[in-house]
Amino acid sequence: MPDIMNGVGNHNGAKAFRILVVDDEPLLCKMVSAMLKREGYTI
């Protein structure tokens, strides 16, 4: 899985990230939380 910050730094990734944040912030938060938990982080 690509690193989240690399995806955000990438132009297309940043655009997609922005669209997700604007369109459905709660869903994005859940997705990010799930990804981080899968990678072993605690939130």
PDB file of N, CA and C in Angstrom:
ATOM      1  N   MET A   1       0.852  -1.196   0.000  1.00  0.00           N
ATOM      2  CA  MET A   1       0.000   0.000   0.000  1.00  0.00           C
ATOM      3  C   MET A   1       0.886   1.243   0.000  1.00  0.00           C
ATOM      4  N   PRO A   2       0.596   2.204  -0.889  1.00  0.00           N
ATOM      5  CA  PRO A   2       1.413   3.420  -0.909  1.00  0.00           C
ATOM      6  C   PRO A   2       1.237   4.220   0.372  1.00  0.00           C
ATOM      7  N   ASP A   3       2.293   4.910   0.735  1.00  0.00           N
ATOM      8  CA  ASP A   3       2.225   5.761   1.931  1.00  0.00           C
ATOM      9  C   ASP A   3       1.252   6.904   1.686  1.00  0.00           C
ATOM     10  N   ILE A   4       0.442   7.218   2.689  1.00  0.00           N
ATOM     11  CA  ILE A   4      -0.607   8.239   2.531  1.00  0.00           C
ATOM     12  C   ILE A   4      -0.014   9.584   2.144  1.00  0.00           C
ATOM     13  N   MET A   5       1.126   9.969   2.743  1.00  0.00           N
ATOM     14  CA  MET A   5       1.699  11.277   2.449  1.00  0.00           C
ATOM     15  C   MET A   5       2.246  11.332   1.023  1.00  0.00           C
ATOM     16  N   ASN A   6       2.782  10.208   0.527  1.00  0.00           N
ATOM     17  CA  ASN A   6       3.237  10.176  -0.857  1.00  0.00           C
ATOM     18  C   ASN A   6       2.058  10.379  -1.795  1.00  0.00           C
ATOM     19  N   GLY A   7       0.919   9.740  -1.482  1.00  0.00           N
ATOM     20  CA  GLY A   7      -0.271   9.903  -2.307  1.00  0.00           C
ATOM     21  C   GLY A   7      -0.753  11.343  -2.318  1.00  0.00           C
ATOM     22  N   VAL A   8      -0.707  11.984  -1.144  1.00  0.00           N
ATOM     23  CA  VAL A   8      -1.166  13.366  -1.048  1.00  0.00           C
ATOM     24  C   VAL A   8      -0.204  14.299  -1.771  1.00  0.00           C
ATOM     25  N   GLY A   9       1.090  13.998  -1.704  1.00  0.00           N
ATOM     26  CA  GLY A   9       2.080  14.836  -2.362  1.00  0.00           C
ATOM     27  C   GLY A   9       2.008  14.735  -3.875  1.00  0.00           C
ATOM     28  N   ASN A  10       1.577  13.593  -4.384  1.00  0.00           N
ATOM     29  CA  ASN A  10       1.398  13.392  -5.818  1.00  0.00           C
ATOM     30  C   ASN A  10       0.242  14.261  -6.298  1.00  0.00           C
ATOM     31  N   HIS A  11       0.386  14.896  -7.470  1.00  0.00           N
ATOM     32  CA  HIS A  11      -0.634  15.852  -7.933  1.00  0.00           C
ATOM     33  C   HIS A  11      -2.012  15.203  -8.034  1.00  0.00           C
ATOM     34  N   ASN A  12      -2.096  14.071  -8.729  1.00  0.00           N
ATOM     35  CA  ASN A  12      -3.384  13.396  -8.872  1.00  0.00           C
ATOM     36  C   ASN A  12      -3.888  12.910  -7.523  1.00  0.00           C
ATOM     37  N   GLY A  13      -2.988  12.406  -6.712  1.00  0.00           N
ATOM     38  CA  GLY A  13      -3.372  11.953  -5.382  1.00  0.00           C
ATOM     39  C   GLY A  13      -3.924  13.102  -4.556  1.00  0.00           C
ATOM     40  N   ALA A  14      -3.279  14.264  -4.644  1.00  0.00           N
ATOM     41  CA  ALA A  14      -3.739  15.425  -3.880  1.00  0.00           C
ATOM     42  C   ALA A  14      -5.124  15.851  -4.349  1.00  0.00           C
ATOM     43  N   LYS A  15      -5.334  15.805  -5.674  1.00  0.00           N
ATOM     44  CA  LYS A  15      -6.639  16.196  -6.198  1.00  0.00           C
ATOM     45  C   LYS A  15      -7.716  15.233  -5.700  1.00  0.00           C
ATOM     46  N   ALA A  16      -7.447  13.942  -5.789  1.00  0.00           N
ATOM     47  CA  ALA A  16      -8.406  12.937  -5.323  1.00  0.00           C
ATOM     48  C   ALA A  16      -8.645  13.099  -3.827  1.00  0.00           C
ATOM     49  N   PHE A  17      -7.564  13.353  -3.084  1.00  0.00           N
ATOM     50  CA  PHE A  17      -7.667  13.526  -1.632  1.00  0.00           C
ATOM     51  C   PHE A  17      -8.570  14.720  -1.316  1.00  0.00           C
ATOM     52  N   ARG A  18      -8.370  15.828  -2.028  1.00  0.00           N
ATOM     53  CA  ARG A  18      -9.172  17.030  -1.813  1.00  0.00           C
ATOM     54  C   ARG A  18     -10.639  16.756  -2.129  1.00  0.00           C
ATOM     55  N   ILE A  19     -10.901  16.073  -3.238  1.00  0.00           N
ATOM     56  CA  ILE A  19     -12.285  15.756  -3.617  1.00  0.00           C
ATOM     57  C   ILE A  19     -12.936  14.916  -2.523  1.00  0.00           C
ATOM     58  N   LEU A  20     -12.203  13.919  -2.028  1.00  0.00           N
ATOM     59  CA  LEU A  20     -12.745  13.069  -0.964  1.00  0.00           C
ATOM     60  C   LEU A  20     -13.058  13.893   0.276  1.00  0.00           C
ATOM     61  N   VAL A  21     -12.149  14.774   0.645  1.00  0.00           N
ATOM     62  CA  VAL A  21     -12.347  15.571   1.860  1.00  0.00           C
ATOM     63  C   VAL A  21     -13.577  16.460   1.703  1.00  0.00           C
ATOM     64  N   VAL A  22     -13.712  17.078   0.541  1.00  0.00           N
ATOM     65  CA  VAL A  22     -14.836  17.994   0.316  1.00  0.00           C
ATOM     66  C   VAL A  22     -16.148  17.222   0.235  1.00  0.00           C
ATOM     67  N   ASP A  23     -16.143  16.097  -0.491  1.00  0.00           N
ATOM     68  CA  ASP A  23     -17.388  15.368  -0.743  1.00  0.00           C
ATOM     69  C   ASP A  23     -17.888  14.613   0.470  1.00  0.00           C
ATOM     70  N   ASP A  24     -16.998  13.942   1.164  1.00  0.00           N
ATOM     71  CA  ASP A  24     -17.472  13.033   2.213  1.00  0.00           C
ATOM     72  C   ASP A  24     -16.419  12.884   3.297  1.00  0.00           C
ATOM     73  N   GLU A  25     -16.282  13.900   4.107  1.00  0.00           N
ATOM     74  CA  GLU A  25     -15.219  13.904   5.109  1.00  0.00           C
ATOM     75  C   GLU A  25     -15.336  12.751   6.102  1.00  0.00           C
ATOM     76  N   PRO A  26     -16.538  12.435   6.618  1.00  0.00           N
ATOM     77  CA  PRO A  26     -16.634  11.319   7.572  1.00  0.00           C
ATOM     78  C   PRO A  26     -16.164   9.998   6.970  1.00  0.00           C
ATOM     79  N   LEU A  27     -16.522   9.756   5.705  1.00  0.00           N
ATOM     80  CA  LEU A  27     -16.092   8.522   5.047  1.00  0.00           C
ATOM     81  C   LEU A  27     -14.573   8.492   4.934  1.00  0.00           C
ATOM     82  N   LEU A  28     -13.985   9.619   4.558  1.00  0.00           N
ATOM     83  CA  LEU A  28     -12.529   9.688   4.438  1.00  0.00           C
ATOM     84  C   LEU A  28     -11.871   9.387   5.777  1.00  0.00           C
ATOM     85  N   CYS A  29     -12.407   9.967   6.839  1.00  0.00           N
ATOM     86  CA  CYS A  29     -11.843   9.733   8.170  1.00  0.00           C
ATOM     87  C   CYS A  29     -11.887   8.250   8.516  1.00  0.00           C
ATOM     88  N   LYS A  30     -13.006   7.601   8.203  1.00  0.00           N
ATOM     89  CA  LYS A  30     -13.123   6.168   8.485  1.00  0.00           C
ATOM     90  C   LYS A  30     -12.121   5.376   7.666  1.00  0.00           C
ATOM     91  N   MET A  31     -11.970   5.745   6.385  1.00  0.00           N
ATOM     92  CA  MET A  31     -11.027   5.038   5.521  1.00  0.00           C
ATOM     93  C   MET A  31      -9.605   5.184   6.044  1.00  0.00           C
ATOM     94  N   VAL A  32      -9.234   6.409   6.388  1.00  0.00           N
ATOM     95  CA  VAL A  32      -7.874   6.659   6.881  1.00  0.00           C
ATOM     96  C   VAL A  32      -7.648   5.925   8.197  1.00  0.00           C
ATOM     97  N   SER A  33      -8.639   5.971   9.082  1.00  0.00           N
ATOM     98  CA  SER A  33      -8.519   5.267  10.362  1.00  0.00           C
ATOM     99  C   SER A  33      -8.324   3.778  10.133  1.00  0.00           C
ATOM    100  N   ALA A  34      -9.116   3.201   9.226  1.00  0.00           N
ATOM    101  CA  ALA A  34      -9.017   1.770   8.945  1.00  0.00           C
ATOM    102  C   ALA A  34      -7.650   1.438   8.359  1.00  0.00           C
ATOM    103  N   MET A  35      -7.155   2.291   7.455  1.00  0.00           N
ATOM    104  CA  MET A  35      -5.851   2.049   6.848  1.00  0.00           C
ATOM    105  C   MET A  35      -4.751   2.104   7.898  1.00  0.00           C
ATOM    106  N   LEU A  36      -4.793   3.113   8.760  1.00  0.00           N
ATOM    107  CA  LEU A  36      -3.764   3.254   9.788  1.00  0.00           C
ATOM    108  C   LEU A  36      -3.808   2.084  10.757  1.00  0.00           C
ATOM    109  N   LYS A  37      -5.012   1.670  11.156  1.00  0.00           N
ATOM    110  CA  LYS A  37      -5.123   0.539  12.078  1.00  0.00           C
ATOM    111  C   LYS A  37      -4.561  -0.720  11.440  1.00  0.00           C
ATOM    112  N   ARG A  38      -4.826  -0.904  10.134  1.00  0.00           N
ATOM    113  CA  ARG A  38      -4.321  -2.077   9.437  1.00  0.00           C
ATOM    114  C   ARG A  38      -2.793  -2.052   9.407  1.00  0.00           C
ATOM    115  N   GLU A  39      -2.221  -0.852   9.333  1.00  0.00           N
ATOM    116  CA  GLU A  39      -0.761  -0.715   9.315  1.00  0.00           C
ATOM    117  C   GLU A  39      -0.155  -0.815  10.713  1.00  0.00           C
ATOM    118  N   GLY A  40      -0.995  -0.865  11.738  1.00  0.00           N
ATOM    119  CA  GLY A  40      -0.493  -1.085  13.088  1.00  0.00           C
ATOM    120  C   GLY A  40      -0.431   0.160  13.954  1.00  0.00           C
ATOM    121  N   TYR A  41      -0.976   1.269  13.462  1.00  0.00           N
ATOM    122  CA  TYR A  41      -1.004   2.479  14.286  1.00  0.00           C
ATOM    123  C   TYR A  41      -2.215   2.450  15.205  1.00  0.00           C
ATOM    124  N   THR A  42      -2.118   3.140  16.342  1.00  0.00           N
ATOM    125  CA  THR A  42      -3.287   3.311  17.195  1.00  0.00           C
ATOM    126  C   THR A  42      -3.730   4.758  17.090  1.00  0.00           C
ATOM    127  N   ILE A  43      -5.025   4.972  17.147  1.00  0.00           N
ATOM    128  CA  ILE A  43      -5.565   6.316  16.933  1.00  0.00           C
ATOM    129  C   ILE A  43      -6.225   6.790  18.210  1.00  0.00           C
TER     130      ILE A  43
END
